[in-house]
Amino acid sequence: MLNRFLFSKIDNSQLIIFRIFFGILVSLECYGAILTGWIRRTLIEPKFTFNFIGFDWLQPLPGFGMYYYFFIMGTLGVLIALGYKYRFAIISFTLMWTGVYLMQKTSYNNHYYLLVLISLIMCFLPAHQSHSLDVKNNANFKSDSMYAYVRWFIIFQLLIVYTYASIAKLYGDWLDFGIVRILMLNKASYPIIGGLLQEPFIHKIIGVSGILFDLLIVPALLWKPTRKIAFFASVFFHLFNSIVFQIGIFPYLSLAFTVFFFEPETIRNIFFKKKKPYLLKKAEVPSYKTVLLVIGGIYFLIQITLPIRHHFIKDDVLWTEEGHRLSWRMMLRSRTGTVKFQVVNKETGEKTLVKTKDYLSKKQQKRIAGYPDFIWQFAQRLKKEYAEKGEQIEIYAQNSKVSVNGKPYRPFIDPKVDLASAKWNYFWHNEWIFPSPTYKKEP
């Protein structure tokens, strides 16, 4: 049964059209980052970036280097769409996009992580075996079929994303629509819909539909009787997200994924009418079956466990942020904070308050006070700078307070802990973060 489910040969039209959509969209994302000033604001203007901890060596290229970097990525997207030197193009894009993802988190977005994963998956798929320049240059590449596991790999990845996104919304601030109201506040100036988005009944519709859509969209697309309804619901949902939240290509990438839910023949008839149909649908177990099942099993085990790791870390992830990233916890919180960094010279005892505006961009200044990893990384940056001047220092976060989802400000970072000497705990709780107001210590 497993062999028939995973290793039946089916028409590959779904994968081919997705490759084309994928290449076009990632090229637009990369070229758009240049034209909209995102690269300038995020990677060039800051004196340094808040990279993922452990990837300090990943820093933006100097001068106009990041413009060239994104231009190359955009061009690789074009090559992917055309199916030209596909393996080289998709592997190169995956490595470069992952580098950008790990390079900065001031503009963190879960969708950037999803693009890392989908790009990685695409590196191993035969997406260039039809309607590609690779086939035109070498007819031996051509094939009208693919293994069924190709589509199921994509579908299962999406099921994980949407299911965890739905489950994560089942908490107080989403269920009472408070966070939805906060998210809509800065949309008031939008023409036509701005005022409507401030209405409480709209917040209730968004809150309830957000949970239901994420939970049901994959099963509804898989089940033929509800597939068309689910597709049009998906179109509305993702266009709404595109207009209201302005998150680049990702609503359209999400729509591109829907090709894997329709029958291969349906996709072929819509996009490739002249393509030879593949109707055999026979199971052919490949020689690499065991390797595929082992690697695929490990990959999905990681994908399933990463989003629940915060349950094994002390305190509330909504407060500590520990275990938040890589877990599909999307649009769940709004954080603001205050903090002052006090530098103490170990030899003289001289105390100095650091002005963050002398080091950080405006967007970085807004982020730093609310996130513990940002606070710790900035302390390490100061430590390094003073060490280069021959000074040994201690660094304390003074008056550190955070407000989560509009609640009252609460003390956040222990002001008695020297952050210059503190270690960052990657996998467990960092004790210099004060407990959340709702956390109850074990007796």
Protein backbone atom coordinates (compact mmCIF):
# COMPACT_ATOMS: atom_id res chain seq x y z
CA MET A 1 0.00 0.00 0.00
CA LEU A 2 2.84 2.37 0.89
CA ASN A 3 4.51 1.62 -2.43
CA ARG A 4 1.33 2.41 -4.33
CA PHE A 5 0.75 5.59 -2.34
CA LEU A 6 4.26 7.03 -2.63
CA PHE A 7 5.79 5.41 -5.67
CA SER A 8 3.04 5.37 -8.26
CA LYS A 9 3.99 7.31 -11.35
CA ILE A 10 1.71 10.29 -12.09
CA ASP A 11 1.66 13.15 -14.58
CA ASN A 12 4.26 15.76 -13.55
CA SER A 13 2.33 18.85 -14.70
CA GLN A 14 1.80 19.99 -11.09
CA LEU A 15 5.52 20.12 -10.38
CA ILE A 16 6.39 21.74 -13.71
CA ILE A 17 3.93 24.63 -13.38
CA PHE A 18 4.91 25.11 -9.73
CA ARG A 19 8.56 25.40 -10.77
CA ILE A 20 7.60 28.16 -13.20
CA PHE A 21 5.47 30.00 -10.63
CA PHE A 22 8.15 29.54 -7.97
CA GLY A 23 10.93 30.93 -10.16
CA ILE A 24 8.89 33.97 -11.20
CA LEU A 25 7.83 34.76 -7.64
CA VAL A 26 11.27 34.48 -6.06
CA SER A 27 12.76 36.65 -8.79
CA LEU A 28 10.09 39.29 -8.12
CA GLU A 29 10.82 39.07 -4.38
CA CYS A 30 14.54 39.63 -4.90
CA TYR A 31 14.27 42.35 -7.53
CA GLY A 32 11.52 43.98 -5.46
CA ALA A 33 13.79 44.06 -2.40
CA ILE A 34 16.16 46.21 -4.44
CA LEU A 35 13.55 48.56 -5.88
CA THR A 36 11.54 49.10 -2.67
CA GLY A 37 14.56 49.99 -0.55
CA TRP A 38 14.23 46.91 1.69
CA ILE A 39 17.89 46.03 1.18
CA ARG A 40 19.01 49.57 1.95
CA ARG A 41 16.93 49.81 5.14
CA THR A 42 17.61 46.30 6.40
CA LEU A 43 21.10 45.35 5.28
CA ILE A 44 23.02 48.48 4.28
CA GLU A 45 22.04 51.35 6.59
CA PRO A 46 22.52 49.40 9.89
CA LYS A 47 26.08 49.31 11.21
CA PHE A 48 25.56 45.61 11.93
CA THR A 49 22.69 43.16 11.74
CA PHE A 50 21.11 41.00 14.41
CA ASN A 51 21.90 37.65 12.84
CA PHE A 52 20.71 34.30 14.16
CA ILE A 53 22.87 33.58 17.19
CA GLY A 54 25.80 31.42 16.15
CA PHE A 55 25.97 32.91 12.67
CA ASP A 56 27.91 36.07 13.53
CA TRP A 57 30.15 35.46 10.53
CA LEU A 58 27.17 36.03 8.24
CA GLN A 59 27.19 39.79 7.78
CA PRO A 60 26.06 41.89 4.79
CA LEU A 61 28.53 42.48 2.00
CA PRO A 62 30.09 45.97 2.05
CA GLY A 63 29.19 48.80 -0.31
CA PHE A 64 26.73 47.79 -3.01
CA GLY A 65 27.46 44.11 -2.41
CA MET A 66 23.97 43.21 -1.18
CA TYR A 67 22.38 44.79 -4.26
CA TYR A 68 24.50 42.49 -6.43
CA TYR A 69 23.68 39.60 -4.11
CA PHE A 70 19.92 40.05 -4.51
CA PHE A 71 20.24 40.71 -8.24
CA ILE A 72 22.01 37.36 -8.61
CA MET A 73 19.26 35.66 -6.57
CA GLY A 74 16.60 37.27 -8.74
CA THR A 75 18.39 36.09 -11.87
CA LEU A 76 18.61 32.58 -10.43
CA GLY A 77 14.84 32.76 -10.01
CA VAL A 78 14.51 33.49 -13.72
CA LEU A 79 16.72 30.49 -14.52
CA ILE A 80 14.55 28.31 -12.27
CA ALA A 81 11.39 29.43 -14.07
CA LEU A 82 13.00 28.75 -17.46
CA GLY A 83 14.40 25.45 -16.29
CA TYR A 84 17.90 26.38 -17.40
CA LYS A 85 20.76 24.78 -15.47
CA TYR A 86 18.03 23.98 -12.98
CA ARG A 87 20.05 22.07 -10.38
CA PHE A 88 22.72 24.75 -10.26
CA ALA A 89 20.11 27.52 -10.11
CA ILE A 90 17.93 26.06 -7.35
CA ILE A 91 20.84 24.92 -5.17
CA SER A 92 22.56 28.30 -5.53
CA PHE A 93 19.35 30.16 -4.73
CA THR A 94 18.70 27.97 -1.68
CA LEU A 95 22.16 28.61 -0.26
CA MET A 96 21.99 32.36 -0.92
CA TRP A 97 18.45 32.78 0.44
CA THR A 98 19.32 30.77 3.55
CA GLY A 99 22.31 33.06 4.03
CA VAL A 100 20.08 36.15 3.96
CA TYR A 101 17.59 34.48 6.30
CA LEU A 102 20.26 33.74 8.90
CA MET A 103 21.96 37.11 8.37
CA GLN A 104 19.27 39.26 9.96
CA LYS A 105 16.11 38.90 12.04
CA THR A 106 15.09 42.54 12.50
CA SER A 107 12.68 41.98 9.60
CA TYR A 108 11.94 38.39 10.58
CA ASN A 109 9.05 36.70 8.83
CA ASN A 110 7.92 33.07 9.08
CA HIS A 111 7.43 33.09 5.33
CA TYR A 112 11.16 33.62 4.81
CA TYR A 113 11.70 30.37 6.70
CA LEU A 114 9.07 28.61 4.59
CA LEU A 115 10.90 29.74 1.46
CA VAL A 116 14.11 28.21 2.85
CA LEU A 117 12.34 24.88 3.32
CA ILE A 118 10.56 24.84 -0.04
CA SER A 119 13.75 25.83 -1.85
CA LEU A 120 15.57 22.99 -0.09
CA ILE A 121 12.88 20.50 -1.10
CA MET A 122 12.96 21.75 -4.69
CA CYS A 123 16.69 20.98 -4.87
CA PHE A 124 15.83 17.27 -4.89
CA LEU A 125 12.79 17.30 -7.17
CA PRO A 126 12.85 16.65 -10.94
CA ALA A 127 11.15 19.94 -11.72
CA HIS A 128 13.08 20.54 -14.95
CA GLN A 129 12.03 17.42 -16.87
CA SER A 130 9.43 19.14 -19.01
CA HIS A 131 8.89 22.61 -20.47
CA SER A 132 12.44 23.66 -19.68
CA LEU A 133 15.52 24.81 -21.50
CA ASP A 134 17.35 21.87 -19.97
CA VAL A 135 15.07 19.51 -21.90
CA LYS A 136 15.46 21.58 -25.06
CA ASN A 137 19.23 21.31 -24.76
CA ASN A 138 19.20 17.64 -23.80
CA ALA A 139 16.18 15.53 -24.70
CA ASN A 140 17.37 12.79 -22.33
CA PHE A 141 16.09 14.92 -19.42
CA LYS A 142 12.52 14.82 -20.69
CA SER A 143 9.85 13.00 -18.73
CA ASP A 144 6.09 13.37 -18.49
CA SER A 145 5.81 11.64 -15.12
CA MET A 146 6.99 11.85 -11.53
CA TYR A 147 6.63 9.80 -8.40
CA ALA A 148 3.55 10.53 -6.29
CA TYR A 149 5.72 11.19 -3.23
CA VAL A 150 6.79 14.48 -4.83
CA ARG A 151 3.36 16.06 -4.37
CA TRP A 152 2.82 14.41 -0.98
CA PHE A 153 6.10 15.82 0.29
CA ILE A 154 4.91 19.35 -0.50
CA ILE A 155 1.40 18.71 0.82
CA PHE A 156 2.65 17.29 4.13
CA GLN A 157 4.96 20.27 4.60
CA LEU A 158 1.99 22.60 4.09
CA LEU A 159 -0.15 20.53 6.47
CA ILE A 160 2.46 21.02 9.20
CA VAL A 161 2.64 24.78 8.57
CA TYR A 162 -1.11 25.39 8.54
CA THR A 163 -1.95 23.03 11.42
CA TYR A 164 0.60 24.54 13.79
CA ALA A 165 -0.46 28.04 12.73
CA SER A 166 -4.05 27.20 13.68
CA ILE A 167 -3.16 25.55 17.00
CA ALA A 168 -0.94 28.47 17.99
CA LYS A 169 -3.93 30.82 17.70
CA LEU A 170 -5.82 28.92 20.40
CA TYR A 171 -4.76 31.20 23.24
CA GLY A 172 -6.40 34.05 25.16
CA ASP A 173 -5.27 37.12 23.23
CA TRP A 174 -6.35 35.64 19.90
CA LEU A 175 -9.57 34.11 21.17
CA ASP A 176 -10.73 37.41 22.67
CA PHE A 177 -9.63 39.13 19.41
CA GLY A 178 -7.37 41.54 21.28
CA ILE A 179 -4.29 40.84 19.18
CA VAL A 180 -6.36 41.13 15.98
CA ARG A 181 -7.48 44.59 17.08
CA ILE A 182 -3.86 45.59 17.73
CA LEU A 183 -2.73 44.25 14.35
CA MET A 184 -5.45 46.29 12.62
CA LEU A 185 -4.66 49.58 14.39
CA ASN A 186 -1.96 50.66 11.95
CA LYS A 187 -4.19 49.78 8.99
CA ALA A 188 -6.63 52.62 9.75
CA SER A 189 -5.11 54.87 7.09
CA TYR A 190 -5.73 52.34 4.30
CA PRO A 191 -8.09 53.75 1.66
CA ILE A 192 -11.62 52.31 1.56
CA ILE A 193 -11.01 49.40 3.96
CA GLY A 194 -9.04 51.18 6.71
CA GLY A 195 -12.08 52.22 8.73
CA LEU A 196 -13.79 48.87 8.25
CA LEU A 197 -10.76 47.05 9.65
CA GLN A 198 -11.25 48.87 12.97
CA GLU A 199 -14.72 47.44 13.52
CA PRO A 200 -15.04 44.82 16.32
CA PHE A 201 -17.18 42.50 14.19
CA ILE A 202 -14.43 42.45 11.54
CA HIS A 203 -11.92 41.49 14.24
CA LYS A 204 -14.17 38.56 15.21
CA ILE A 205 -14.47 37.44 11.59
CA ILE A 206 -10.70 37.63 11.08
CA GLY A 207 -10.00 35.85 14.36
CA VAL A 208 -12.39 32.94 13.80
CA SER A 209 -11.67 32.55 10.09
CA GLY A 210 -7.92 32.62 10.76
CA ILE A 211 -8.20 29.57 13.01
CA LEU A 212 -10.63 27.69 10.77
CA PHE A 213 -8.82 28.45 7.52
CA ASP A 214 -5.45 27.26 8.79
CA LEU A 215 -6.96 24.13 10.32
CA LEU A 216 -9.19 23.08 7.42
CA ILE A 217 -7.65 24.38 4.20
CA VAL A 218 -5.37 21.40 3.47
CA PRO A 219 -8.04 18.71 4.15
CA ALA A 220 -10.62 20.77 2.21
CA LEU A 221 -8.30 21.05 -0.80
CA LEU A 222 -7.57 17.32 -0.68
CA TRP A 223 -11.24 16.31 -0.63
CA LYS A 224 -12.71 16.63 -4.10
CA PRO A 225 -16.26 17.74 -3.06
CA THR A 226 -14.86 20.78 -1.19
CA ARG A 227 -11.81 21.45 -3.38
CA LYS A 228 -13.23 24.27 -5.51
CA ILE A 229 -14.79 26.03 -2.53
CA ALA A 230 -11.50 25.72 -0.65
CA PHE A 231 -9.60 27.07 -3.63
CA PHE A 232 -11.73 30.22 -3.86
CA ALA A 233 -11.54 30.63 -0.08
CA SER A 234 -7.76 30.38 -0.41
CA VAL A 235 -7.74 33.04 -3.13
CA PHE A 236 -9.75 35.43 -0.95
CA PHE A 237 -7.72 34.69 2.18
CA HIS A 238 -4.32 35.19 0.56
CA LEU A 239 -5.35 38.27 -1.44
CA PHE A 240 -6.67 39.76 1.81
CA ASN A 241 -3.31 39.07 3.47
CA SER A 242 -1.47 40.56 0.51
CA ILE A 243 -3.48 43.79 0.61
CA VAL A 244 -3.72 44.23 4.38
CA PHE A 245 -0.34 42.94 5.58
CA GLN A 246 1.74 43.60 2.44
CA ILE A 247 4.00 40.56 2.86
CA GLY A 248 5.48 40.37 -0.61
CA ILE A 249 5.21 37.27 -2.76
CA PHE A 250 4.12 34.88 -0.07
CA PRO A 251 0.34 35.02 -0.48
CA TYR A 252 0.89 34.26 -4.16
CA LEU A 253 3.36 31.48 -3.38
CA SER A 254 0.70 30.00 -1.12
CA LEU A 255 -1.75 30.10 -4.01
CA ALA A 256 0.84 28.45 -6.26
CA PHE A 257 0.93 25.50 -3.85
CA THR A 258 -2.71 24.72 -4.64
CA VAL A 259 -1.69 23.14 -7.97
CA PHE A 260 -0.58 20.07 -5.99
CA PHE A 261 -4.12 19.49 -4.71
CA PHE A 262 -5.84 19.25 -8.09
CA GLU A 263 -5.72 16.20 -10.31
CA PRO A 264 -2.58 16.13 -12.48
CA GLU A 265 -4.73 15.86 -15.60
CA THR A 266 -6.66 18.98 -14.57
CA ILE A 267 -3.44 20.98 -14.23
CA ARG A 268 -2.16 19.63 -17.56
CA ASN A 269 -5.37 20.62 -19.33
CA ILE A 270 -5.21 24.15 -17.90
CA PHE A 271 -1.51 24.96 -18.36
CA PHE A 272 -0.04 22.44 -20.81
CA LYS A 273 -2.71 21.45 -23.30
CA LYS A 274 -0.11 20.26 -25.83
CA LYS A 275 1.76 18.19 -23.24
CA LYS A 276 1.56 14.44 -23.68
CA PRO A 277 -0.65 12.98 -20.92
CA TYR A 278 0.71 10.32 -18.62
CA LEU A 279 -2.03 7.86 -17.68
CA LEU A 280 -0.25 4.66 -16.63
CA LYS A 281 -0.19 5.36 -12.88
CA LYS A 282 1.80 2.23 -12.12
CA ALA A 283 3.96 1.74 -9.05
CA GLU A 284 7.71 1.59 -9.68
CA VAL A 285 9.71 1.31 -6.46
CA PRO A 286 12.99 3.22 -6.91
CA SER A 287 16.34 1.86 -5.79
CA TYR A 288 16.69 4.74 -3.33
CA LYS A 289 13.43 3.94 -1.49
CA THR A 290 15.08 3.20 1.86
CA VAL A 291 17.28 6.30 1.71
CA LEU A 292 14.28 8.43 0.78
CA LEU A 293 12.14 7.10 3.64
CA VAL A 294 14.93 7.54 6.20
CA ILE A 295 15.89 11.07 5.13
CA GLY A 296 12.27 12.10 4.64
CA GLY A 297 11.34 10.64 8.03
CA ILE A 298 14.13 12.54 9.78
CA TYR A 299 13.19 15.77 7.98
CA PHE A 300 9.53 15.60 8.94
CA LEU A 301 10.34 14.51 12.49
CA ILE A 302 12.34 17.72 12.84
CA GLN A 303 9.51 19.73 11.29
CA ILE A 304 6.99 18.23 13.69
CA THR A 305 9.09 18.65 16.84
CA LEU A 306 10.53 22.14 16.30
CA PRO A 307 7.16 23.92 16.71
CA ILE A 308 6.46 22.22 20.05
CA ARG A 309 9.89 22.68 21.64
CA HIS A 310 8.70 25.72 23.61
CA HIS A 311 6.53 23.40 25.72
CA PHE A 312 9.75 21.95 27.13
CA ILE A 313 11.25 25.36 27.95
CA LYS A 314 10.35 27.02 31.23
CA ASP A 315 7.82 29.87 31.20
CA ASP A 316 5.54 31.20 28.45
CA VAL A 317 6.97 31.51 24.94
CA LEU A 318 4.77 34.56 24.41
CA TRP A 319 6.80 36.29 27.12
CA THR A 320 10.30 34.85 26.76
CA GLU A 321 10.29 34.36 22.95
CA GLU A 322 12.32 31.18 23.55
CA GLY A 323 11.13 28.63 21.00
CA HIS A 324 9.10 31.16 19.02
CA ARG A 325 10.97 31.12 15.72
CA LEU A 326 10.75 28.16 13.32
CA SER A 327 7.41 27.19 14.88
CA TRP A 328 4.75 28.82 12.64
CA ARG A 329 3.60 31.14 15.41
CA MET A 330 2.38 33.78 12.96
CA MET A 331 0.90 37.19 13.86
CA LEU A 332 0.37 36.17 17.48
CA ARG A 333 1.89 39.03 19.41
CA SER A 334 2.79 42.68 19.47
CA ARG A 335 5.74 43.61 21.67
CA THR A 336 7.04 46.97 22.83
CA GLY A 337 9.67 47.61 25.44
CA THR A 338 12.11 49.96 27.11
CA VAL A 339 15.74 49.32 28.07
CA LYS A 340 18.88 51.24 28.95
CA PHE A 341 22.34 49.72 28.65
CA GLN A 342 24.73 50.60 31.43
CA VAL A 343 28.42 49.96 30.79
CA VAL A 344 30.69 49.56 33.83
CA ASN A 345 34.47 49.70 33.43
CA LYS A 346 35.92 46.82 35.48
CA GLU A 347 39.11 48.70 36.33
CA THR A 348 37.82 52.18 37.15
CA GLY A 349 34.22 51.43 38.06
CA GLU A 350 33.09 54.23 35.74
CA LYS A 351 29.48 53.87 34.65
CA THR A 352 28.18 54.99 31.25
CA LEU A 353 24.72 54.86 29.71
CA VAL A 354 24.88 53.82 26.06
CA LYS A 355 22.71 55.63 23.50
CA THR A 356 21.32 52.91 21.25
CA LYS A 357 20.59 55.45 18.50
CA ASP A 358 24.36 55.79 18.02
CA TYR A 359 24.53 52.13 17.04
CA LEU A 360 21.18 51.04 15.66
CA SER A 361 18.81 51.92 12.84
CA LYS A 362 15.32 53.14 13.71
CA LYS A 363 13.81 49.72 13.07
CA GLN A 364 16.46 48.03 15.18
CA GLN A 365 15.78 50.48 18.02
CA LYS A 366 12.11 49.51 17.95
CA ARG A 367 12.94 45.82 18.14
CA ILE A 368 15.78 45.64 20.63
CA ALA A 369 13.95 46.42 23.86
CA GLY A 370 11.27 43.76 23.37
CA TYR A 371 13.36 40.72 22.50
CA PRO A 372 15.86 39.03 24.85
CA ASP A 373 18.14 37.70 22.12
CA PHE A 374 18.44 41.21 20.64
CA ILE A 375 19.33 42.60 24.08
CA TRP A 376 21.96 39.91 24.66
CA GLN A 377 23.46 40.30 21.18
CA PHE A 378 23.73 44.07 21.55
CA ALA A 379 25.54 43.56 24.86
CA GLN A 380 27.97 41.23 23.13
CA ARG A 381 28.50 43.82 20.40
CA LEU A 382 29.33 46.46 23.01
CA LYS A 383 31.68 44.04 24.79
CA LYS A 384 33.55 43.40 21.55
CA GLU A 385 33.81 47.12 20.73
CA TYR A 386 35.17 48.04 24.15
CA ALA A 387 37.59 45.09 24.08
CA GLU A 388 39.05 46.42 20.84
CA LYS A 389 39.82 49.64 22.76
CA GLY A 390 41.48 47.65 25.54
CA GLU A 391 38.65 48.05 28.06
CA GLN A 392 37.12 45.22 30.07
CA ILE A 393 33.51 45.97 30.90
CA GLU A 394 30.31 44.74 32.47
CA ILE A 395 26.96 45.48 30.84
CA TYR A 396 23.60 45.72 32.59
CA ALA A 397 20.12 46.14 31.15
CA GLN A 398 18.54 48.89 33.25
CA ASN A 399 14.83 49.69 33.40
CA SER A 400 14.05 46.79 31.05
CA LYS A 401 10.29 46.45 30.70
CA VAL A 402 8.08 44.81 28.09
CA SER A 403 4.44 45.05 27.10
CA VAL A 404 2.97 42.09 25.22
CA ASN A 405 -0.24 42.57 23.25
CA GLY A 406 -1.02 45.93 24.82
CA LYS A 407 -0.83 44.70 28.43
CA PRO A 408 0.88 46.76 31.17
CA TYR A 409 4.68 46.98 31.06
CA ARG A 410 6.42 44.44 33.28
CA PRO A 411 10.09 44.01 34.30
CA PHE A 412 11.83 41.91 31.68
CA ILE A 413 15.61 41.53 32.09
CA ASP A 414 17.33 41.12 35.45
CA PRO A 415 19.31 44.38 35.97
CA LYS A 416 21.79 42.62 38.28
CA VAL A 417 23.07 40.20 35.62
CA ASP A 418 26.19 41.14 33.67
CA LEU A 419 25.09 40.46 30.09
CA ALA A 420 28.66 40.80 28.85
CA SER A 421 29.57 37.58 30.65
CA ALA A 422 26.18 35.86 30.39
CA LYS A 423 25.91 32.92 28.02
CA TRP A 424 23.06 32.43 25.57
CA ASN A 425 21.24 29.17 26.12
CA TYR A 426 20.12 27.92 22.71
CA PHE A 427 17.85 25.13 23.87
CA TRP A 428 16.62 26.00 27.35
CA HIS A 429 15.51 28.97 29.40
CA ASN A 430 17.84 31.91 30.05
CA GLU A 431 17.47 32.64 33.74
CA TRP A 432 18.27 36.35 33.39
CA ILE A 433 14.84 36.83 31.79
CA PHE A 434 12.36 37.67 34.53
CA PRO A 435 9.37 35.29 34.84
CA SER A 436 6.20 36.27 33.02
CA PRO A 437 3.41 37.80 35.12
CA THR A 438 1.41 34.56 34.76
CA TYR A 439 4.24 32.10 35.43
CA LYS A 440 3.95 30.03 38.59
CA LYS A 441 7.12 28.51 39.98
CA GLU A 442 7.02 24.87 40.93
CA PRO A 443 6.82 24.35 44.73
